[in-house]
Amino acid sequence: MTFKLMKLASQSQLSSWLPSIHPQVWILAIGRFFSEVGTGFTLFYAPIFFVNEVGLSATSVGVALACASISGIFGRIVGGSLADSRDWGRRRTLLLATAISAIASLVFAATNNFTILVIGNLINGLGIGFYWPAVEAIVADASEIENRRETFAISRLADNLGLAIGITLAGFLIAIIGSYRWLFMIDAISFLVFFGIIYVGVSDTKAQEIDQEKTQYFASWMAVFRDRRFLVYIAANIFFTIYISQIHSILPLYFKNFVIESTDRGFAETTISRLFAWHLVVAIICQLPVTSALKRCSHTLALTVSGILWAVGFGLIWVSGTATSHNMVWAALALGVFAFAISSYTPSAASLVTELAPENQRGVYFSINALCWAVGYSIGHPLGGWALDQPRIIADRFWLCFSLSVALAVVILQYLNRILANESAK
C-alpha cells in the first residue's frame, strides 16, 4: 500500500510539471538524443583506439585531447557572444556547432598519427565551444523558475539515454567488425541528423526579443567578471569538470590496461561497454527522481551532495584497481555512484547559472560556464594521461588524490552559499 501511494504521488508530481515543459525543449532533446548516440560510439573508446590501435602514448593522447580545450576556449567566447546577438542568435550558433563537430569526427576517423589527432581535437573543441553556450541558453530561455531544474534534467536525460544506447551498440560493433574507425563515421552521421532537427524544428528564443537591453560585447563580458557570486561558482565548477573528464577519457583506459578481472589482462572492450552502459542506465533512471528530491535544497547544497558522491566514487575506483577479486563489482559500484553524482550536479549547476545571469547575458554567462569544461578538460586529460604512464602505484593512488580534492570544492561551495544567503537577507 505504501509503495502504491508513493508511486501515485510520484506520477502526480511528474504530471504536474511535464506538460509545462516548453515544446522547444522536447524537440531539442530529441536532437540531442540522436547526437549523443553517435557520441556514445566514440566517447569511451577513443582513448583506447588512439593508444592501443594507433600506437600513441597515454600522455600524448591526453595532450592531444587537451588541445580541444584551447580551441574550445575561443569557441566558447565567440559562441556566447553570437548566441546573445540578434543578428546571429542561438539557432545559427547551434547549427554551426553541429556542422563543425561532424567535420571533426571525420578527421578522427582518418587519424593515424599525433598531428592529425591534434588537428581533429582543435576542430572538435571549436564545435563544442560553439555548442554549449547556445544550447544551454535555448533551454534556459524556454524554462520557468518553478520547473527550471526539471527542464535541464530532461535535456540531460536525453543526453544520457543517447549515450547509453551508443556505448552499448559500439561494444557490439567492435566485437563484430573489429574496427574503431567506423565509430567516428557513425558519430559524424549523428551530428548531421542533429543539424537537420535543429534546422527544421528549433527557432531562436529570446536573443531577438531582448535586443533593446543588449549591451556591447566587451561591456557584457566585463560585467560578468565583476559578478563575485558567479566567479566563486566558477572556481568550484572547475573541480567538477575535471572529475567528469576522468570518466570520459581516462577511466576507460584505466579499466583496459590496469584493472585486472580474471586474467592478467584488463577488462575487455565488451566489459567496458557494459560497465559504462550500466553507468548511464543508472543516470537515466535516477535523473528525474534525484532532481525532484534535491529541488527542496539550495543549489549549493545539491552541488555539495554531488561532491561527496564524487569522493566516494573515486575511492571505489581505487578499490577496483587494487582489490584481489571482484574488481568488476567494485568498478560497477563506482560508476553507479558517479551516475548519482552527475545527476545531482548538472541540473543544479545549469539552474544556478540561469538564476545568476541577467536574461540578456545568458549566452555570455553560459559561455563562461562552458569555459569551466575547457579548463577542466585541459587539466584533467593531461593529468590523467600522465598518471597512467607512471608506475602502477601512482596510477592507483591517483584516484585517492581526487577523493581528497573534493574537500576544497566543498569549502568553496559553502563560501558561495554564504554569499547568496547574505544577498537574499538584504
Protein backbone atom coordinates (compact mmCIF):
# COMPACT_ATOMS: atom_id res chain seq x y z
CA MET A 1 0.00 0.00 0.00
CA THR A 2 2.82 2.40 0.92
CA PHE A 3 4.62 1.64 -2.34
CA LYS A 4 1.43 2.29 -4.36
CA LEU A 5 0.88 5.63 -2.61
CA MET A 6 4.48 6.64 -3.30
CA LYS A 7 4.11 5.62 -6.94
CA LEU A 8 0.88 7.60 -7.32
CA ALA A 9 2.44 10.62 -5.66
CA SER A 10 5.44 10.41 -7.95
CA GLN A 11 3.23 10.15 -11.05
CA SER A 12 1.17 13.09 -9.86
CA GLN A 13 4.30 15.14 -9.31
CA LEU A 14 5.65 14.29 -12.76
CA SER A 15 2.35 15.10 -14.47
CA SER A 16 2.27 18.47 -12.70
CA TRP A 17 5.37 19.79 -14.44
CA LEU A 18 5.92 17.66 -17.54
CA PRO A 19 3.09 19.35 -19.52
CA SER A 20 4.63 22.77 -18.72
CA ILE A 21 7.95 21.92 -20.38
CA HIS A 22 8.30 24.10 -23.47
CA PRO A 23 7.86 22.18 -26.79
CA GLN A 24 11.19 23.58 -27.96
CA VAL A 25 12.90 21.72 -25.14
CA TRP A 26 11.39 18.42 -26.28
CA ILE A 27 12.46 18.97 -29.90
CA LEU A 28 15.96 19.89 -28.80
CA ALA A 29 16.05 16.84 -26.53
CA ILE A 30 15.25 14.59 -29.50
CA GLY A 31 18.12 16.11 -31.46
CA ARG A 32 20.48 15.78 -28.52
CA PHE A 33 19.45 12.15 -28.15
CA PHE A 34 20.48 11.29 -31.71
CA SER A 35 23.69 13.29 -31.39
CA GLU A 36 24.64 11.55 -28.15
CA VAL A 37 24.02 8.12 -29.68
CA GLY A 38 26.85 8.95 -32.08
CA THR A 39 28.97 10.40 -29.29
CA GLY A 40 28.45 7.20 -27.31
CA PHE A 41 30.10 5.27 -30.12
CA THR A 42 33.36 7.19 -29.59
CA LEU A 43 33.41 8.85 -26.18
CA PHE A 44 34.78 5.98 -24.11
CA TYR A 45 36.58 4.13 -26.91
CA ALA A 46 38.55 6.98 -28.47
CA PRO A 47 41.41 6.88 -25.90
CA ILE A 48 41.65 3.07 -26.23
CA PHE A 49 41.78 3.38 -30.03
CA PHE A 50 44.43 6.09 -30.06
CA VAL A 51 46.65 4.31 -27.52
CA ASN A 52 46.22 0.63 -28.37
CA GLU A 53 45.49 0.83 -32.13
CA VAL A 54 47.18 3.99 -33.41
CA GLY A 55 50.10 3.42 -31.05
CA LEU A 56 50.30 6.75 -29.22
CA SER A 57 51.26 7.04 -25.56
CA ALA A 58 48.61 7.83 -22.96
CA THR A 59 50.38 11.11 -22.21
CA SER A 60 50.38 12.22 -25.87
CA VAL A 61 46.70 11.31 -26.19
CA GLY A 62 45.98 13.33 -23.06
CA VAL A 63 47.87 16.30 -24.51
CA ALA A 64 46.02 15.99 -27.84
CA LEU A 65 42.67 15.84 -26.08
CA ALA A 66 43.65 18.92 -24.10
CA CYS A 67 44.16 20.77 -27.42
CA ALA A 68 40.38 20.68 -27.80
CA SER A 69 40.23 22.93 -24.77
CA ILE A 70 42.43 25.52 -26.47
CA SER A 71 40.15 25.95 -29.48
CA GLY A 72 37.21 25.35 -27.15
CA ILE A 73 38.08 28.49 -25.19
CA PHE A 74 37.92 30.54 -28.39
CA GLY A 75 34.70 28.80 -29.45
CA ARG A 76 33.02 29.41 -26.12
CA ILE A 77 33.95 33.09 -26.05
CA VAL A 78 32.77 33.74 -29.60
CA GLY A 79 29.83 31.34 -29.28
CA GLY A 80 28.49 33.05 -26.17
CA SER A 81 28.54 36.45 -27.88
CA LEU A 82 26.99 35.06 -31.06
CA ALA A 83 24.23 33.35 -29.06
CA ASP A 84 23.31 36.70 -27.46
CA SER A 85 23.43 38.52 -30.79
CA ARG A 86 20.18 39.47 -32.56
CA ASP A 87 21.89 39.22 -35.95
CA TRP A 88 23.18 35.68 -35.32
CA GLY A 89 21.31 34.14 -32.39
CA ARG A 90 21.17 30.80 -30.58
CA ARG A 91 19.89 28.72 -33.50
CA ARG A 92 22.53 29.67 -36.05
CA THR A 93 25.26 29.22 -33.47
CA LEU A 94 23.96 25.72 -32.74
CA LEU A 95 23.80 24.84 -36.44
CA LEU A 96 27.40 25.99 -36.88
CA ALA A 97 28.46 23.90 -33.88
CA THR A 98 26.95 20.67 -35.21
CA ALA A 99 28.49 21.15 -38.67
CA ILE A 100 31.96 21.69 -37.18
CA SER A 101 31.59 18.66 -34.91
CA ALA A 102 30.68 16.45 -37.89
CA ILE A 103 33.88 17.53 -39.64
CA ALA A 104 35.90 16.75 -36.50
CA SER A 105 34.50 13.21 -36.36
CA LEU A 106 35.61 12.60 -39.95
CA VAL A 107 39.12 13.81 -39.10
CA PHE A 108 39.24 11.42 -36.12
CA ALA A 109 38.23 8.57 -38.43
CA ALA A 110 41.29 9.32 -40.58
CA THR A 111 43.73 9.72 -37.66
CA ASN A 112 46.95 7.71 -37.89
CA ASN A 113 49.43 9.97 -36.10
CA PHE A 114 49.71 12.58 -33.36
CA THR A 115 49.48 15.58 -35.72
CA ILE A 116 46.14 14.56 -37.23
CA LEU A 117 44.83 13.77 -33.74
CA VAL A 118 45.72 17.30 -32.62
CA ILE A 119 44.01 18.80 -35.69
CA GLY A 120 40.89 16.73 -35.04
CA ASN A 121 40.78 17.86 -31.42
CA LEU A 122 41.24 21.52 -32.36
CA ILE A 123 38.25 21.27 -34.72
CA ASN A 124 36.25 19.29 -32.17
CA GLY A 125 36.97 21.80 -29.42
CA LEU A 126 35.74 24.62 -31.65
CA GLY A 127 32.48 22.78 -32.30
CA ILE A 128 31.97 22.05 -28.60
CA GLY A 129 32.78 25.67 -27.79
CA PHE A 130 30.02 26.98 -30.07
CA TYR A 131 27.60 24.27 -28.91
CA TRP A 132 27.29 24.64 -25.16
CA PRO A 133 26.53 28.37 -24.70
CA ALA A 134 23.88 28.22 -27.43
CA VAL A 135 22.14 25.01 -26.38
CA GLU A 136 22.11 25.91 -22.68
CA ALA A 137 20.79 29.40 -23.44
CA ILE A 138 17.94 27.92 -25.52
CA VAL A 139 16.96 25.63 -22.65
CA ALA A 140 17.26 28.47 -20.12
CA ASP A 141 15.09 30.76 -22.27
CA ALA A 142 12.41 28.06 -22.54
CA SER A 143 12.32 27.33 -18.81
CA GLU A 144 10.41 28.89 -15.94
CA ILE A 145 11.65 29.30 -12.38
CA GLU A 146 9.28 26.66 -11.00
CA ASN A 147 10.40 23.94 -13.42
CA ARG A 148 13.93 25.07 -14.31
CA ARG A 149 15.77 22.13 -12.77
CA GLU A 150 13.37 19.66 -14.36
CA THR A 151 13.80 21.34 -17.75
CA PHE A 152 17.56 20.94 -17.61
CA ALA A 153 17.08 17.41 -16.26
CA ILE A 154 15.05 16.49 -19.37
CA SER A 155 17.93 17.64 -21.56
CA ARG A 156 20.44 15.63 -19.55
CA LEU A 157 18.12 12.63 -19.63
CA ALA A 158 18.11 12.75 -23.44
CA ASP A 159 21.92 13.02 -23.44
CA ASN A 160 22.37 10.05 -21.14
CA LEU A 161 19.82 7.90 -22.94
CA GLY A 162 21.60 8.51 -26.25
CA LEU A 163 25.00 7.82 -24.72
CA ALA A 164 23.80 4.57 -23.16
CA ILE A 165 22.48 3.28 -26.48
CA GLY A 166 25.59 4.42 -28.36
CA ILE A 167 28.02 2.83 -25.92
CA THR A 168 26.13 -0.45 -25.91
CA LEU A 169 25.96 -0.62 -29.71
CA ALA A 170 29.63 0.38 -30.02
CA GLY A 171 30.77 -2.54 -27.89
CA PHE A 172 28.90 -5.00 -30.10
CA LEU A 173 30.08 -3.30 -33.30
CA ILE A 174 33.73 -3.50 -32.26
CA ALA A 175 33.29 -7.16 -31.37
CA ILE A 176 31.81 -7.86 -34.82
CA ILE A 177 33.95 -5.79 -37.21
CA GLY A 178 36.98 -5.11 -35.01
CA SER A 179 37.43 -1.58 -36.38
CA TYR A 180 37.26 1.56 -34.29
CA ARG A 181 37.28 3.95 -37.28
CA TRP A 182 33.67 3.17 -38.17
CA LEU A 183 32.65 4.52 -34.77
CA PHE A 184 33.76 8.00 -35.77
CA MET A 185 31.92 7.78 -39.09
CA ILE A 186 28.70 6.98 -37.22
CA ASP A 187 29.37 9.92 -34.90
CA ALA A 188 29.64 12.26 -37.91
CA ILE A 189 26.29 11.00 -39.26
CA SER A 190 24.63 11.60 -35.88
CA PHE A 191 25.74 15.25 -35.93
CA LEU A 192 24.23 15.67 -39.38
CA VAL A 193 20.94 14.26 -38.07
CA PHE A 194 21.08 16.74 -35.19
CA PHE A 195 21.75 19.54 -37.70
CA GLY A 196 18.59 18.60 -39.60
CA ILE A 197 16.45 18.53 -36.46
CA ILE A 198 17.69 21.97 -35.41
CA TYR A 199 17.16 23.38 -38.90
CA VAL A 200 13.58 22.11 -39.11
CA GLY A 201 12.31 22.19 -35.54
CA VAL A 202 14.21 24.79 -33.48
CA SER A 203 13.64 28.54 -33.68
CA ASP A 204 15.52 31.33 -31.96
CA THR A 205 14.31 32.10 -28.48
CA LYS A 206 14.84 35.36 -26.63
CA ALA A 207 18.01 36.62 -28.29
CA GLN A 208 15.90 38.72 -30.66
CA GLU A 209 13.33 39.78 -28.07
CA ILE A 210 15.81 41.43 -25.74
CA ASP A 211 17.71 43.49 -28.29
CA GLN A 212 16.76 46.76 -26.60
CA GLU A 213 18.52 45.54 -23.47
CA LYS A 214 21.62 44.15 -25.15
CA THR A 215 24.98 45.61 -24.20
CA GLN A 216 28.21 45.88 -26.13
CA TYR A 217 30.07 42.59 -26.19
CA PHE A 218 33.09 43.84 -24.26
CA ALA A 219 30.96 45.55 -21.62
CA SER A 220 28.86 42.39 -21.32
CA TRP A 221 31.91 40.24 -20.64
CA MET A 222 33.36 42.74 -18.17
CA ALA A 223 30.05 42.78 -16.27
CA VAL A 224 30.28 39.01 -15.84
CA PHE A 225 33.77 39.24 -14.38
CA ARG A 226 32.51 41.72 -11.80
CA ASP A 227 29.90 39.23 -10.57
CA ARG A 228 31.57 37.85 -7.43
CA ARG A 229 28.90 35.19 -6.92
CA PHE A 230 29.44 33.78 -10.38
CA LEU A 231 33.23 33.79 -10.09
CA VAL A 232 33.08 31.81 -6.85
CA TYR A 233 30.76 29.31 -8.52
CA ILE A 234 33.21 29.02 -11.44
CA ALA A 235 36.05 28.15 -9.04
CA ALA A 236 34.01 25.25 -7.64
CA ASN A 237 32.69 24.19 -11.02
CA ILE A 238 36.17 23.63 -12.43
CA PHE A 239 36.66 20.82 -9.90
CA PHE A 240 33.53 19.07 -11.18
CA THR A 241 34.59 19.38 -14.82
CA ILE A 242 38.00 17.89 -14.00
CA TYR A 243 36.23 14.95 -12.36
CA ILE A 244 33.94 14.41 -15.36
CA SER A 245 36.92 14.50 -17.73
CA GLN A 246 38.32 11.42 -16.00
CA ILE A 247 35.18 9.40 -16.69
CA HIS A 248 35.10 10.28 -20.38
CA SER A 249 38.73 9.70 -21.28
CA ILE A 250 40.98 8.33 -18.54
CA LEU A 251 38.78 5.80 -16.76
CA PRO A 252 38.14 3.58 -19.83
CA LEU A 253 41.89 3.35 -20.40
CA TYR A 254 42.47 2.57 -16.72
CA PHE A 255 39.92 -0.24 -16.91
CA LYS A 256 41.51 -1.57 -20.09
CA ASN A 257 45.15 -1.51 -19.00
CA PHE A 258 45.18 -1.59 -15.20
CA VAL A 259 42.10 -3.21 -13.64
CA ILE A 260 42.50 -6.99 -13.67
CA GLU A 261 39.39 -9.12 -13.95
CA SER A 262 40.15 -12.85 -14.05
CA THR A 263 43.26 -12.91 -16.24
CA ASP A 264 46.43 -10.89 -16.40
CA ARG A 265 44.79 -8.51 -18.86
CA GLY A 266 42.47 -5.60 -18.15
CA PHE A 267 38.76 -5.53 -18.91
CA ALA A 268 37.72 -6.48 -22.45
CA GLU A 269 36.00 -3.85 -24.63
CA THR A 270 32.66 -5.59 -24.18
CA THR A 271 33.10 -5.47 -20.40
CA ILE A 272 33.94 -1.77 -20.55
CA SER A 273 30.90 -1.25 -22.76
CA ARG A 274 28.63 -2.97 -20.24
CA LEU A 275 30.12 -1.00 -17.35
CA PHE A 276 29.55 2.38 -18.94
CA ALA A 277 26.14 1.34 -20.24
CA TRP A 278 25.30 0.45 -16.62
CA HIS A 279 26.59 3.86 -15.55
CA LEU A 280 24.31 5.62 -18.00
CA VAL A 281 21.30 3.40 -17.26
CA VAL A 282 21.60 4.37 -13.59
CA ALA A 283 21.91 8.02 -14.60
CA ILE A 284 18.80 7.73 -16.76
CA ILE A 285 16.75 6.04 -14.05
CA CYS A 286 17.81 8.34 -11.24
CA GLN A 287 17.94 11.67 -13.12
CA LEU A 288 14.35 12.80 -12.53
CA PRO A 289 13.98 11.33 -9.00
CA VAL A 290 17.28 12.90 -7.90
CA THR A 291 16.30 16.24 -9.43
CA SER A 292 12.94 16.09 -7.69
CA ALA A 293 14.48 15.14 -4.33
CA LEU A 294 17.08 17.93 -4.49
CA LYS A 295 14.58 20.54 -5.63
CA ARG A 296 13.88 21.31 -1.99
CA CYS A 297 17.60 22.00 -1.44
CA SER A 298 19.58 25.06 -2.41
CA HIS A 299 21.78 24.81 -5.47
CA THR A 300 24.92 24.92 -3.36
CA LEU A 301 23.69 22.07 -1.15
CA ALA A 302 22.83 19.98 -4.21
CA LEU A 303 26.33 20.58 -5.59
CA THR A 304 27.84 19.67 -2.21
CA VAL A 305 25.95 16.37 -2.28
CA SER A 306 27.36 15.78 -5.75
CA GLY A 307 30.89 16.49 -4.50
CA ILE A 308 30.59 13.96 -1.69
CA LEU A 309 29.37 11.35 -4.18
CA TRP A 310 32.38 12.06 -6.41
CA ALA A 311 34.70 11.45 -3.46
CA VAL A 312 33.03 8.10 -2.73
CA GLY A 313 33.15 7.10 -6.40
CA PHE A 314 36.86 7.83 -6.79
CA GLY A 315 37.55 5.82 -3.65
CA LEU A 316 35.71 2.87 -5.20
CA ILE A 317 37.77 3.21 -8.40
CA TRP A 318 40.90 2.86 -6.27
CA VAL A 319 39.42 -0.27 -4.69
CA SER A 320 38.57 -1.70 -8.14
CA GLY A 321 42.19 -1.36 -9.23
CA THR A 322 43.80 -2.71 -6.05
CA ALA A 323 41.38 -5.41 -4.91
CA THR A 324 42.41 -9.02 -5.45
CA SER A 325 38.93 -10.12 -6.50
CA HIS A 326 35.50 -8.84 -7.59
CA ASN A 327 37.14 -5.95 -9.47
CA MET A 328 34.23 -5.64 -11.86
CA VAL A 329 31.78 -5.36 -8.96
CA TRP A 330 33.78 -2.50 -7.43
CA ALA A 331 34.02 -0.79 -10.82
CA ALA A 332 30.26 -1.12 -11.32
CA LEU A 333 29.61 0.34 -7.85
CA ALA A 334 31.90 3.27 -8.61
CA LEU A 335 30.18 4.04 -11.90
CA GLY A 336 26.78 3.78 -10.20
CA VAL A 337 27.87 6.36 -7.63
CA PHE A 338 29.22 8.57 -10.41
CA ALA A 339 25.80 8.40 -12.08
CA PHE A 340 24.16 9.84 -8.95
CA ALA A 341 26.93 12.46 -8.70
CA ILE A 342 26.37 13.69 -12.25
CA SER A 343 22.56 13.58 -11.90
CA SER A 344 22.75 15.82 -8.85
CA TYR A 345 25.31 18.14 -10.46
CA THR A 346 24.12 19.05 -13.95
CA PRO A 347 20.56 20.39 -13.38
CA SER A 348 21.56 22.36 -10.29
CA ALA A 349 24.64 23.86 -11.92
CA ALA A 350 22.75 24.96 -15.05
CA SER A 351 19.83 26.31 -12.99
CA LEU A 352 22.20 28.29 -10.77
CA VAL A 353 23.85 29.88 -13.81
CA THR A 354 20.41 30.78 -15.21
CA GLU A 355 19.41 32.47 -11.96
CA LEU A 356 22.69 34.37 -11.66
CA ALA A 357 22.64 35.60 -15.27
CA PRO A 358 20.67 38.63 -16.49
CA GLU A 359 18.31 37.50 -19.24
CA ASN A 360 20.12 39.47 -21.95
CA GLN A 361 23.51 37.98 -20.96
CA ARG A 362 22.67 34.30 -20.65
CA GLY A 363 24.79 33.42 -23.68
CA VAL A 364 27.85 35.05 -22.13
CA TYR A 365 27.23 33.52 -18.69
CA PHE A 366 26.80 30.06 -20.18
CA SER A 367 29.85 30.71 -22.32
CA ILE A 368 31.97 31.25 -19.22
CA ASN A 369 30.27 28.29 -17.55
CA ALA A 370 31.26 26.21 -20.57
CA LEU A 371 34.81 27.55 -20.27
CA CYS A 372 34.97 25.64 -16.99
CA TRP A 373 34.73 22.49 -19.06
CA ALA A 374 37.54 23.66 -21.32
CA VAL A 375 39.73 24.44 -18.31
CA GLY A 376 38.74 21.25 -16.50
CA TYR A 377 39.43 19.05 -19.51
CA SER A 378 42.71 20.83 -20.29
CA ILE A 379 43.82 19.96 -16.75
CA GLY A 380 42.15 16.58 -16.39
CA HIS A 381 43.20 14.95 -19.68
CA PRO A 382 46.98 15.52 -19.45
CA LEU A 383 46.96 14.86 -15.70
CA GLY A 384 45.15 11.56 -16.11
CA GLY A 385 47.28 10.57 -19.11
CA TRP A 386 50.45 11.32 -17.14
CA ALA A 387 49.22 9.24 -14.19
CA LEU A 388 48.54 6.21 -16.40
CA ASP A 389 52.05 6.42 -17.87
CA GLN A 390 53.57 6.17 -14.37
CA PRO A 391 54.24 3.05 -12.27
CA ARG A 392 51.11 1.27 -11.16
CA ILE A 393 51.27 2.54 -7.59
CA ILE A 394 50.90 6.12 -8.86
CA ALA A 395 48.14 5.23 -11.31
CA ASP A 396 46.17 3.59 -8.48
CA ARG A 397 46.67 6.31 -5.86
CA PHE A 398 45.79 8.95 -8.43
CA TRP A 399 42.11 8.26 -7.68
CA LEU A 400 42.57 8.74 -3.95
CA CYS A 401 44.00 12.21 -4.61
CA PHE A 402 40.80 13.11 -6.42
CA SER A 403 38.74 11.93 -3.44
CA LEU A 404 40.69 14.24 -1.15
CA SER A 405 40.38 17.20 -3.53
CA VAL A 406 36.60 17.20 -3.08
CA ALA A 407 37.10 18.82 0.34
CA LEU A 408 38.39 22.00 -1.31
CA ALA A 409 35.43 22.10 -3.72
CA VAL A 410 33.02 21.77 -0.79
CA VAL A 411 34.71 24.64 1.06
CA ILE A 412 34.26 26.89 -1.99
CA LEU A 413 30.60 25.90 -2.27
CA GLN A 414 29.98 26.76 1.37
CA TYR A 415 31.54 30.18 0.79
CA LEU A 416 29.23 30.69 -2.18
CA ASN A 417 26.25 29.66 -0.06
CA ARG A 418 27.19 32.32 2.50
CA ILE A 419 27.39 34.99 -0.21
CA LEU A 420 23.99 34.06 -1.64
CA ALA A 421 22.43 33.91 1.84
CA ASN A 422 23.75 37.40 2.71
CA GLU A 423 22.38 38.82 -0.54
CA SER A 424 18.94 37.29 -0.01
CA ALA A 425 18.86 38.66 3.55
CA LYS A 426 19.36 42.24 2.32
